[in-house]
Amino acid sequence: MKIEEKIKNCKLCGTLQKLTENSIQLGTTPFILIGESPAKDGWIQSKRAFFNSAGKLQGTGRVLNNLLKNIGYSIPDIYFTECCKCVIEDRKLLKNCSENCLPILREQLKSVPCKIIVTMGLFPTQALLNTKMKRFADVVGKTFELKIDEREYVLIPIYHPSPLNPKGYKDNIAIFGKIKELCNVAALDFA
């Protein structure tokens, strides 16, 4: 069964609206960004991560695009998916939904050549590392080795780049410098 069909048929989180088309954005970067959940007025309508139905970058997309420009990329260059495949409007549901969608996320990761995983926020980080964190700030910018089905990754959490998050841009700048360094090492591994 295709991933999109698995997402569409999943009822673990009830009847929440789901991202069933283009559930992963393919790119050219050696990293994949993993968000928390799709925005109701974004990816589901536009079929493009971080864009609204009018084709304009949403607030988070603008912040993220500026961070990506610092390391030579832009939104269209990145591999991207969401940890939760449902639109989660109540943040209290993110932890449970992240855990429910983890098998699908792991399957999606098999389909991309990336060795670096960049998690945007607490819930995708906790789900992939399979650990509860007291303070997300204690792990942001640190690197973690992760093995999924015999494949090794480096995971690095960033602050969610929402324009509402005071740490979303300025506190991520140095982390994106670290991501660029990891990309250079990953490029050597592919040589």
N, C-alpha and C. Protein backbone atom coordinates (compact mmCIF):
# COMPACT_ATOMS: atom_id res chain seq x y z
N MET A 1 0.84 -1.18 0.00
CA MET A 1 0.00 0.00 0.00
C MET A 1 0.89 1.25 0.00
N LYS A 2 0.54 2.22 -0.85
CA LYS A 2 1.29 3.46 -0.93
C LYS A 2 1.15 4.25 0.36
N ILE A 3 2.16 5.08 0.64
CA ILE A 3 2.15 5.89 1.85
C ILE A 3 0.92 6.78 1.90
N GLU A 4 0.56 7.41 0.78
CA GLU A 4 -0.60 8.30 0.76
C GLU A 4 -1.88 7.54 1.13
N GLU A 5 -1.99 6.28 0.69
CA GLU A 5 -3.16 5.47 1.04
C GLU A 5 -3.15 5.13 2.53
N LYS A 6 -1.97 4.84 3.07
CA LYS A 6 -1.87 4.56 4.51
C LYS A 6 -2.30 5.77 5.32
N ILE A 7 -1.86 6.95 4.89
CA ILE A 7 -2.24 8.17 5.59
C ILE A 7 -3.75 8.37 5.50
N LYS A 8 -4.30 8.24 4.32
CA LYS A 8 -5.74 8.46 4.11
C LYS A 8 -6.58 7.49 4.93
N ASN A 9 -6.14 6.24 5.03
CA ASN A 9 -6.91 5.21 5.73
C ASN A 9 -6.69 5.18 7.24
N CYS A 10 -5.71 5.91 7.73
CA CYS A 10 -5.39 5.89 9.16
C CYS A 10 -6.49 6.59 9.96
N LYS A 11 -6.87 5.98 11.05
CA LYS A 11 -7.90 6.55 11.94
C LYS A 11 -7.39 6.69 13.38
N LEU A 12 -6.07 6.54 13.58
CA LEU A 12 -5.51 6.59 14.93
C LEU A 12 -5.78 7.92 15.64
N CYS A 13 -5.84 9.00 14.89
CA CYS A 13 -6.10 10.31 15.49
C CYS A 13 -7.53 10.77 15.23
N GLY A 14 -8.40 9.85 14.88
CA GLY A 14 -9.79 10.21 14.61
C GLY A 14 -9.99 10.63 13.18
N THR A 15 -10.81 11.63 12.99
CA THR A 15 -11.18 12.05 11.64
C THR A 15 -10.59 13.41 11.28
N LEU A 16 -9.42 13.71 11.78
CA LEU A 16 -8.77 14.98 11.47
C LEU A 16 -8.44 15.04 9.98
N GLN A 17 -8.45 16.26 9.43
CA GLN A 17 -8.07 16.46 8.03
C GLN A 17 -6.62 16.03 7.85
N LYS A 18 -6.32 15.34 6.76
CA LYS A 18 -4.99 14.77 6.55
C LYS A 18 -4.32 15.32 5.29
N LEU A 19 -3.00 15.29 5.32
CA LEU A 19 -2.18 15.61 4.16
C LEU A 19 -2.00 14.30 3.40
N THR A 20 -2.78 14.10 2.34
CA THR A 20 -2.74 12.82 1.64
C THR A 20 -2.07 12.90 0.28
N GLU A 21 -1.94 14.10 -0.28
CA GLU A 21 -1.25 14.25 -1.56
C GLU A 21 0.09 14.93 -1.29
N ASN A 22 1.09 14.54 -2.04
CA ASN A 22 2.41 15.18 -1.90
C ASN A 22 2.84 15.26 -0.44
N SER A 23 2.74 14.16 0.28
CA SER A 23 3.03 14.17 1.72
C SER A 23 4.51 14.30 2.02
N ILE A 24 5.32 14.33 0.96
CA ILE A 24 6.74 14.59 1.13
C ILE A 24 7.19 15.45 -0.04
N GLN A 25 7.93 16.50 0.26
CA GLN A 25 8.48 17.34 -0.79
C GLN A 25 9.89 16.84 -1.09
N LEU A 26 10.13 16.51 -2.33
CA LEU A 26 11.46 16.04 -2.72
C LEU A 26 12.32 17.23 -3.09
N GLY A 27 13.58 17.15 -2.72
CA GLY A 27 14.49 18.25 -2.97
C GLY A 27 15.84 17.77 -3.44
N THR A 28 16.84 18.62 -3.21
CA THR A 28 18.21 18.30 -3.62
C THR A 28 19.20 18.42 -2.47
N THR A 29 18.72 18.75 -1.29
CA THR A 29 19.60 18.97 -0.15
C THR A 29 20.02 17.64 0.49
N PRO A 30 21.14 17.63 1.19
CA PRO A 30 21.53 16.42 1.92
C PRO A 30 20.80 16.28 3.26
N PHE A 31 19.82 17.14 3.50
CA PHE A 31 19.04 17.06 4.74
C PHE A 31 17.56 17.11 4.42
N ILE A 32 16.78 16.58 5.35
CA ILE A 32 15.33 16.68 5.27
C ILE A 32 14.85 17.42 6.51
N LEU A 33 13.98 18.36 6.31
CA LEU A 33 13.35 19.07 7.42
C LEU A 33 12.04 18.36 7.75
N ILE A 34 11.78 18.21 9.03
CA ILE A 34 10.54 17.57 9.47
C ILE A 34 9.81 18.54 10.39
N GLY A 35 8.63 18.96 9.93
CA GLY A 35 7.79 19.86 10.70
C GLY A 35 6.89 19.11 11.66
N GLU A 36 6.04 19.85 12.34
CA GLU A 36 5.14 19.24 13.32
C GLU A 36 3.88 18.69 12.67
N SER A 37 3.12 19.54 11.99
CA SER A 37 1.90 19.10 11.30
C SER A 37 1.55 20.12 10.24
N PRO A 38 0.82 19.68 9.19
CA PRO A 38 0.49 20.62 8.11
C PRO A 38 -0.48 21.71 8.56
N ALA A 39 -0.30 22.89 8.02
CA ALA A 39 -1.21 24.00 8.29
C ALA A 39 -2.46 23.85 7.43
N LYS A 40 -3.59 24.09 8.03
CA LYS A 40 -4.86 23.93 7.32
C LYS A 40 -4.94 24.82 6.08
N ASP A 41 -4.35 26.01 6.17
CA ASP A 41 -4.44 26.96 5.06
C ASP A 41 -3.19 26.95 4.18
N GLY A 42 -2.37 25.92 4.32
CA GLY A 42 -1.12 25.88 3.56
C GLY A 42 -1.02 24.69 2.64
N TRP A 43 -0.13 23.78 3.00
CA TRP A 43 0.26 22.65 2.17
C TRP A 43 -0.94 21.85 1.65
N ILE A 44 -1.93 21.64 2.47
CA ILE A 44 -3.09 20.84 2.06
C ILE A 44 -3.80 21.51 0.89
N GLN A 45 -3.88 22.83 0.90
CA GLN A 45 -4.56 23.54 -0.19
C GLN A 45 -3.63 23.80 -1.37
N SER A 46 -2.39 24.19 -1.10
CA SER A 46 -1.48 24.61 -2.17
C SER A 46 -0.72 23.45 -2.80
N LYS A 47 -0.60 22.33 -2.09
CA LYS A 47 0.19 21.16 -2.52
C LYS A 47 1.69 21.47 -2.53
N ARG A 48 2.09 22.57 -1.88
CA ARG A 48 3.50 22.96 -1.76
C ARG A 48 3.78 23.36 -0.32
N ALA A 49 4.80 22.77 0.26
CA ALA A 49 5.15 23.09 1.64
C ALA A 49 5.47 24.58 1.79
N PHE A 50 4.89 25.18 2.82
CA PHE A 50 5.13 26.57 3.23
C PHE A 50 4.48 27.62 2.33
N PHE A 51 3.69 27.21 1.37
CA PHE A 51 2.99 28.14 0.50
C PHE A 51 1.49 28.08 0.75
N ASN A 52 0.81 29.23 0.62
CA ASN A 52 -0.64 29.23 0.72
C ASN A 52 -1.25 28.96 -0.65
N SER A 53 -2.56 28.90 -0.72
CA SER A 53 -3.22 28.56 -1.98
C SER A 53 -3.04 29.63 -3.07
N ALA A 54 -2.66 30.85 -2.68
CA ALA A 54 -2.39 31.92 -3.64
C ALA A 54 -0.95 31.86 -4.16
N GLY A 55 -0.17 30.88 -3.67
CA GLY A 55 1.22 30.72 -4.13
C GLY A 55 2.22 31.59 -3.40
N LYS A 56 1.81 32.20 -2.29
CA LYS A 56 2.72 33.06 -1.51
C LYS A 56 3.27 32.29 -0.32
N LEU A 57 4.54 32.58 0.00
CA LEU A 57 5.15 31.96 1.17
C LEU A 57 4.40 32.41 2.42
N GLN A 58 4.09 31.46 3.29
CA GLN A 58 3.47 31.78 4.57
C GLN A 58 4.55 32.30 5.52
N GLY A 59 4.14 32.78 6.68
CA GLY A 59 5.08 33.36 7.64
C GLY A 59 6.22 32.44 8.00
N THR A 60 5.91 31.20 8.35
CA THR A 60 6.97 30.24 8.69
C THR A 60 7.88 30.01 7.50
N GLY A 61 7.31 29.96 6.31
CA GLY A 61 8.10 29.77 5.10
C GLY A 61 9.06 30.92 4.86
N ARG A 62 8.61 32.14 5.14
CA ARG A 62 9.50 33.31 4.95
C ARG A 62 10.69 33.24 5.92
N VAL A 63 10.41 32.93 7.18
CA VAL A 63 11.50 32.83 8.17
C VAL A 63 12.46 31.70 7.77
N LEU A 64 11.89 30.54 7.45
CA LEU A 64 12.72 29.40 7.06
C LEU A 64 13.52 29.70 5.80
N ASN A 65 12.91 30.35 4.83
CA ASN A 65 13.61 30.67 3.59
C ASN A 65 14.81 31.57 3.86
N ASN A 66 14.66 32.54 4.77
CA ASN A 66 15.79 33.40 5.13
C ASN A 66 16.91 32.60 5.79
N LEU A 67 16.54 31.66 6.65
CA LEU A 67 17.56 30.81 7.28
C LEU A 67 18.27 29.94 6.23
N LEU A 68 17.49 29.40 5.32
CA LEU A 68 18.07 28.56 4.26
C LEU A 68 18.99 29.36 3.35
N LYS A 69 18.62 30.59 3.04
CA LYS A 69 19.47 31.44 2.19
C LYS A 69 20.85 31.62 2.80
N ASN A 70 20.90 31.68 4.15
CA ASN A 70 22.18 31.83 4.84
C ASN A 70 23.15 30.69 4.53
N ILE A 71 22.61 29.53 4.13
CA ILE A 71 23.48 28.38 3.84
C ILE A 71 23.38 27.93 2.38
N GLY A 72 22.83 28.81 1.53
CA GLY A 72 22.83 28.55 0.09
C GLY A 72 21.67 27.75 -0.46
N TYR A 73 20.56 27.69 0.26
CA TYR A 73 19.39 26.95 -0.21
C TYR A 73 18.15 27.83 -0.13
N SER A 74 17.04 27.29 -0.64
CA SER A 74 15.74 27.95 -0.51
C SER A 74 14.68 26.85 -0.35
N ILE A 75 13.46 27.25 -0.05
CA ILE A 75 12.37 26.29 0.19
C ILE A 75 12.26 25.25 -0.94
N PRO A 76 12.26 25.63 -2.22
CA PRO A 76 12.11 24.60 -3.26
C PRO A 76 13.24 23.57 -3.29
N ASP A 77 14.38 23.85 -2.66
CA ASP A 77 15.52 22.93 -2.67
C ASP A 77 15.40 21.80 -1.65
N ILE A 78 14.55 21.96 -0.65
CA ILE A 78 14.61 21.06 0.50
C ILE A 78 13.70 19.85 0.38
N TYR A 79 14.16 18.77 0.98
CA TYR A 79 13.29 17.65 1.27
C TYR A 79 12.52 18.07 2.52
N PHE A 80 11.22 17.78 2.53
CA PHE A 80 10.42 18.20 3.68
C PHE A 80 9.22 17.28 3.84
N THR A 81 8.88 17.01 5.08
CA THR A 81 7.63 16.35 5.41
C THR A 81 7.23 16.78 6.82
N GLU A 82 6.05 16.36 7.20
CA GLU A 82 5.53 16.65 8.53
C GLU A 82 5.58 15.38 9.37
N CYS A 83 5.84 15.53 10.65
CA CYS A 83 5.80 14.39 11.56
C CYS A 83 4.37 13.87 11.65
N CYS A 84 3.42 14.76 11.93
CA CYS A 84 2.00 14.40 11.95
C CYS A 84 1.46 14.62 10.55
N LYS A 85 0.67 13.71 10.08
CA LYS A 85 0.10 13.83 8.74
C LYS A 85 -1.29 14.48 8.80
N CYS A 86 -1.79 14.73 10.00
CA CYS A 86 -3.09 15.37 10.19
C CYS A 86 -2.89 16.84 10.56
N VAL A 87 -3.89 17.64 10.25
CA VAL A 87 -3.89 19.03 10.70
C VAL A 87 -4.21 19.03 12.18
N ILE A 88 -3.28 19.48 13.00
CA ILE A 88 -3.44 19.47 14.45
C ILE A 88 -3.60 20.92 14.91
N GLU A 89 -4.82 21.27 15.25
CA GLU A 89 -5.06 22.64 15.71
C GLU A 89 -4.91 22.76 17.22
N ASP A 90 -5.09 21.67 17.95
CA ASP A 90 -4.94 21.65 19.40
C ASP A 90 -3.56 21.06 19.73
N ARG A 91 -2.64 21.90 20.14
CA ARG A 91 -1.25 21.46 20.39
C ARG A 91 -1.16 20.33 21.41
N LYS A 92 -2.19 20.16 22.23
CA LYS A 92 -2.18 19.07 23.21
C LYS A 92 -2.19 17.71 22.52
N LEU A 93 -2.63 17.66 21.27
CA LEU A 93 -2.70 16.40 20.52
C LEU A 93 -1.41 16.06 19.79
N LEU A 94 -0.48 17.00 19.70
CA LEU A 94 0.73 16.79 18.90
C LEU A 94 1.57 15.60 19.36
N LYS A 95 1.73 15.43 20.64
CA LYS A 95 2.57 14.33 21.14
C LYS A 95 1.99 12.98 20.70
N ASN A 96 0.72 12.77 20.97
CA ASN A 96 0.08 11.50 20.63
C ASN A 96 0.06 11.28 19.12
N CYS A 97 -0.30 12.32 18.36
CA CYS A 97 -0.36 12.18 16.91
C CYS A 97 1.04 11.95 16.31
N SER A 98 2.06 12.57 16.88
CA SER A 98 3.43 12.35 16.41
C SER A 98 3.82 10.88 16.57
N GLU A 99 3.47 10.31 17.69
CA GLU A 99 3.76 8.90 17.95
C GLU A 99 2.95 8.00 17.01
N ASN A 100 1.68 8.36 16.75
CA ASN A 100 0.84 7.57 15.85
C ASN A 100 1.39 7.56 14.42
N CYS A 101 1.93 8.69 13.98
CA CYS A 101 2.42 8.81 12.60
C CYS A 101 3.86 8.35 12.43
N LEU A 102 4.54 8.01 13.50
CA LEU A 102 5.95 7.65 13.42
C LEU A 102 6.24 6.52 12.42
N PRO A 103 5.46 5.44 12.36
CA PRO A 103 5.77 4.40 11.36
C PRO A 103 5.72 4.92 9.91
N ILE A 104 4.79 5.82 9.63
CA ILE A 104 4.71 6.39 8.28
C ILE A 104 5.90 7.31 8.03
N LEU A 105 6.27 8.11 9.01
CA LEU A 105 7.43 8.99 8.88
C LEU A 105 8.69 8.18 8.63
N ARG A 106 8.86 7.11 9.39
CA ARG A 106 10.04 6.25 9.19
C ARG A 106 10.08 5.67 7.78
N GLU A 107 8.91 5.30 7.27
CA GLU A 107 8.83 4.77 5.90
C GLU A 107 9.19 5.86 4.89
N GLN A 108 8.73 7.07 5.13
CA GLN A 108 9.06 8.18 4.23
C GLN A 108 10.57 8.44 4.21
N LEU A 109 11.20 8.35 5.37
CA LEU A 109 12.64 8.60 5.44
C LEU A 109 13.43 7.61 4.59
N LYS A 110 12.91 6.40 4.43
CA LYS A 110 13.58 5.41 3.58
C LYS A 110 13.62 5.84 2.12
N SER A 111 12.68 6.69 1.72
CA SER A 111 12.56 7.07 0.31
C SER A 111 13.43 8.26 -0.08
N VAL A 112 14.15 8.84 0.86
CA VAL A 112 15.00 9.99 0.54
C VAL A 112 16.46 9.65 0.82
N PRO A 113 17.38 10.25 0.05
CA PRO A 113 18.80 9.93 0.23
C PRO A 113 19.48 10.69 1.37
N CYS A 114 18.73 11.48 2.10
CA CYS A 114 19.31 12.35 3.13
C CYS A 114 19.88 11.57 4.31
N LYS A 115 21.02 12.03 4.79
CA LYS A 115 21.63 11.46 5.98
C LYS A 115 21.45 12.36 7.19
N ILE A 116 20.93 13.56 6.95
CA ILE A 116 20.75 14.55 8.01
C ILE A 116 19.26 14.83 8.15
N ILE A 117 18.76 14.77 9.38
CA ILE A 117 17.37 15.08 9.68
C ILE A 117 17.36 16.33 10.55
N VAL A 118 16.63 17.33 10.11
CA VAL A 118 16.47 18.57 10.87
C VAL A 118 15.02 18.62 11.34
N THR A 119 14.83 18.54 12.65
CA THR A 119 13.48 18.55 13.20
C THR A 119 13.11 19.96 13.65
N MET A 120 11.91 20.37 13.27
CA MET A 120 11.41 21.70 13.59
C MET A 120 10.49 21.62 14.80
N GLY A 121 11.07 21.74 15.97
CA GLY A 121 10.26 21.74 17.18
C GLY A 121 10.35 20.47 18.00
N LEU A 122 9.67 20.50 19.13
CA LEU A 122 9.74 19.44 20.14
C LEU A 122 9.19 18.10 19.66
N PHE A 123 8.01 18.09 19.07
CA PHE A 123 7.31 16.82 18.86
C PHE A 123 7.96 15.91 17.82
N PRO A 124 8.41 16.41 16.68
CA PRO A 124 9.12 15.50 15.78
C PRO A 124 10.45 15.01 16.39
N THR A 125 11.06 15.86 17.19
CA THR A 125 12.33 15.49 17.84
C THR A 125 12.10 14.35 18.84
N GLN A 126 11.10 14.53 19.71
CA GLN A 126 10.78 13.49 20.70
C GLN A 126 10.39 12.18 20.02
N ALA A 127 9.57 12.26 18.99
CA ALA A 127 9.09 11.05 18.32
C ALA A 127 10.25 10.27 17.71
N LEU A 128 11.12 10.96 16.97
CA LEU A 128 12.23 10.26 16.31
C LEU A 128 13.27 9.74 17.29
N LEU A 129 13.54 10.51 18.33
CA LEU A 129 14.54 10.06 19.32
C LEU A 129 13.93 9.13 20.37
N ASN A 130 12.61 8.99 20.34
CA ASN A 130 11.90 8.10 21.26
C ASN A 130 12.24 8.42 22.72
N THR A 131 12.16 9.70 23.03
CA THR A 131 12.45 10.12 24.40
C THR A 131 11.63 11.37 24.73
N LYS A 132 11.26 11.49 25.98
CA LYS A 132 10.55 12.69 26.44
C LYS A 132 11.59 13.69 26.91
N MET A 133 11.40 14.94 26.55
CA MET A 133 12.36 15.99 26.90
C MET A 133 11.72 16.96 27.87
N LYS A 134 12.47 17.28 28.93
CA LYS A 134 11.95 18.25 29.89
C LYS A 134 11.96 19.65 29.31
N ARG A 135 13.08 20.01 28.68
CA ARG A 135 13.22 21.34 28.09
C ARG A 135 13.79 21.19 26.68
N PHE A 136 13.02 21.57 25.70
CA PHE A 136 13.47 21.48 24.32
C PHE A 136 14.74 22.30 24.10
N ALA A 137 14.84 23.43 24.79
CA ALA A 137 16.02 24.30 24.65
C ALA A 137 17.32 23.57 24.98
N ASP A 138 17.25 22.51 25.80
CA ASP A 138 18.45 21.75 26.16
C ASP A 138 18.98 20.90 25.01
N VAL A 139 18.16 20.63 23.99
CA VAL A 139 18.60 19.76 22.88
C VAL A 139 18.73 20.50 21.55
N VAL A 140 18.15 21.70 21.46
CA VAL A 140 18.20 22.45 20.21
C VAL A 140 19.65 22.70 19.80
N GLY A 141 19.94 22.42 18.54
CA GLY A 141 21.29 22.65 18.00
C GLY A 141 22.29 21.55 18.27
N LYS A 142 21.93 20.60 19.11
CA LYS A 142 22.82 19.46 19.37
C LYS A 142 22.60 18.40 18.30
N THR A 143 23.60 17.58 18.08
CA THR A 143 23.46 16.51 17.10
C THR A 143 23.29 15.18 17.82
N PHE A 144 22.45 14.35 17.22
CA PHE A 144 22.15 13.03 17.77
C PHE A 144 22.31 11.99 16.66
N GLU A 145 22.94 10.90 17.00
CA GLU A 145 23.03 9.79 16.05
C GLU A 145 21.75 8.98 16.17
N LEU A 146 21.21 8.59 15.04
CA LEU A 146 19.94 7.90 14.99
C LEU A 146 20.04 6.79 13.96
N LYS A 147 19.51 5.64 14.30
CA LYS A 147 19.50 4.52 13.37
C LYS A 147 18.06 4.09 13.16
N ILE A 148 17.67 4.04 11.89
CA ILE A 148 16.33 3.60 11.52
C ILE A 148 16.49 2.50 10.48
N ASP A 149 16.08 1.29 10.84
CA ASP A 149 16.16 0.16 9.90
C ASP A 149 17.54 0.04 9.27
N GLU A 150 18.56 -0.01 10.08
CA GLU A 150 19.94 -0.20 9.64
C GLU A 150 20.54 0.99 8.90
N ARG A 151 19.82 2.08 8.81
CA ARG A 151 20.34 3.27 8.15
C ARG A 151 20.67 4.30 9.22
N GLU A 152 21.84 4.91 9.10
CA GLU A 152 22.30 5.87 10.10
C GLU A 152 22.04 7.30 9.65
N TYR A 153 21.62 8.11 10.62
CA TYR A 153 21.32 9.52 10.38
C TYR A 153 21.97 10.36 11.47
N VAL A 154 22.10 11.64 11.18
CA VAL A 154 22.42 12.63 12.20
C VAL A 154 21.18 13.50 12.29
N LEU A 155 20.66 13.66 13.50
CA LEU A 155 19.47 14.47 13.74
C LEU A 155 19.89 15.73 14.47
N ILE A 156 19.39 16.86 14.01
CA ILE A 156 19.66 18.13 14.69
C ILE A 156 18.35 18.92 14.82
N PRO A 157 17.91 19.18 16.04
CA PRO A 157 16.68 19.94 16.24
C PRO A 157 16.93 21.45 16.11
N ILE A 158 15.93 22.14 15.54
CA ILE A 158 15.96 23.60 15.48
C ILE A 158 14.70 24.14 16.17
N TYR A 159 14.76 25.40 16.55
CA TYR A 159 13.54 26.06 17.02
C TYR A 159 12.58 26.17 15.85
N HIS A 160 11.30 26.00 16.11
CA HIS A 160 10.33 26.13 15.02
C HIS A 160 10.43 27.55 14.46
N PRO A 161 10.58 27.67 13.13
CA PRO A 161 10.79 29.00 12.54
C PRO A 161 9.51 29.80 12.31
N SER A 162 8.58 29.68 13.21
CA SER A 162 7.35 30.48 13.12
C SER A 162 7.70 31.94 13.40
N PRO A 163 7.07 32.87 12.69
CA PRO A 163 7.32 34.28 12.99
C PRO A 163 6.82 34.67 14.39
N LEU A 164 5.99 33.83 15.00
CA LEU A 164 5.51 34.08 16.36
C LEU A 164 6.52 33.63 17.41
N ASN A 165 7.48 32.82 17.01
CA ASN A 165 8.49 32.29 17.93
C ASN A 165 9.66 33.26 18.00
N PRO A 166 9.92 33.87 19.15
CA PRO A 166 11.03 34.83 19.24
C PRO A 166 12.39 34.21 18.97
N LYS A 167 12.50 32.90 19.08
CA LYS A 167 13.78 32.22 18.81
C LYS A 167 13.83 31.65 17.39
N GLY A 168 12.72 31.76 16.65
CA GLY A 168 12.57 31.12 15.35
C GLY A 168 13.57 31.54 14.30
N TYR A 169 14.06 32.77 14.35
CA TYR A 169 15.07 33.19 13.38
C TYR A 169 16.43 33.36 14.04
N LYS A 170 16.53 34.31 14.94
CA LYS A 170 17.86 34.67 15.45
C LYS A 170 18.56 33.53 16.17
N ASP A 171 17.83 32.72 16.91
CA ASP A 171 18.48 31.63 17.63
C ASP A 171 18.75 30.41 16.75
N ASN A 172 18.21 30.42 15.54
CA ASN A 172 18.48 29.33 14.59
C ASN A 172 19.65 29.63 13.65
N ILE A 173 20.10 30.87 13.59
CA ILE A 173 21.16 31.23 12.63
C ILE A 173 22.41 30.38 12.84
N ALA A 174 22.89 30.29 14.06
CA ALA A 174 24.10 29.49 14.33
C ALA A 174 23.85 28.01 14.06
N ILE A 175 22.64 27.55 14.34
CA ILE A 175 22.31 26.13 14.10
C ILE A 175 22.36 25.84 12.61
N PHE A 176 21.87 26.77 11.80
CA PHE A 176 21.94 26.55 10.35
C PHE A 176 23.39 26.56 9.86
N GLY A 177 24.26 27.31 10.53
CA GLY A 177 25.69 27.22 10.21
C GLY A 177 26.22 25.81 10.49
N LYS A 178 25.76 25.23 11.57
CA LYS A 178 26.14 23.85 11.91
C LYS A 178 25.56 22.86 10.89
N ILE A 179 24.34 23.12 10.45
CA ILE A 179 23.72 22.26 9.43
C ILE A 179 24.55 22.31 8.15
N LYS A 180 25.03 23.50 7.79
CA LYS A 180 25.87 23.64 6.58
C LYS A 180 27.14 22.81 6.73
N GLU A 181 27.76 22.84 7.91
CA GLU A 181 28.95 22.02 8.15
C GLU A 181 28.63 20.54 8.01
N LEU A 182 27.49 20.12 8.57
CA LEU A 182 27.08 18.71 8.44
C LEU A 182 26.84 18.34 6.98
N CYS A 183 26.30 19.27 6.20
CA CYS A 183 26.06 19.03 4.78
C CYS A 183 27.38 18.81 4.04
N ASN A 184 28.39 19.59 4.41
CA ASN A 184 29.70 19.43 3.78
C ASN A 184 30.29 18.06 4.08
N VAL A 185 30.12 17.58 5.29
CA VAL A 185 30.59 16.24 5.65
C VAL A 185 29.78 15.18 4.91
N ALA A 186 28.46 15.38 4.82
CA ALA A 186 27.60 14.43 4.11
C ALA A 186 27.98 14.38 2.64
N ALA A 187 28.34 15.53 2.04
CA ALA A 187 28.75 15.56 0.63
C ALA A 187 30.02 14.74 0.44
N LEU A 188 30.94 14.80 1.39
CA LEU A 188 32.16 14.00 1.30
C LEU A 188 31.84 12.51 1.36
N ASP A 189 30.85 12.15 2.19
CA ASP A 189 30.45 10.75 2.30
C ASP A 189 29.87 10.21 1.00
N PHE A 190 29.25 11.09 0.19
CA PHE A 190 28.67 10.66 -1.07
C PHE A 190 29.74 10.55 -2.16
N ALA A 191 30.88 11.19 -1.96
CA ALA A 191 31.93 11.21 -2.99
C ALA A 191 32.58 9.84 -3.16
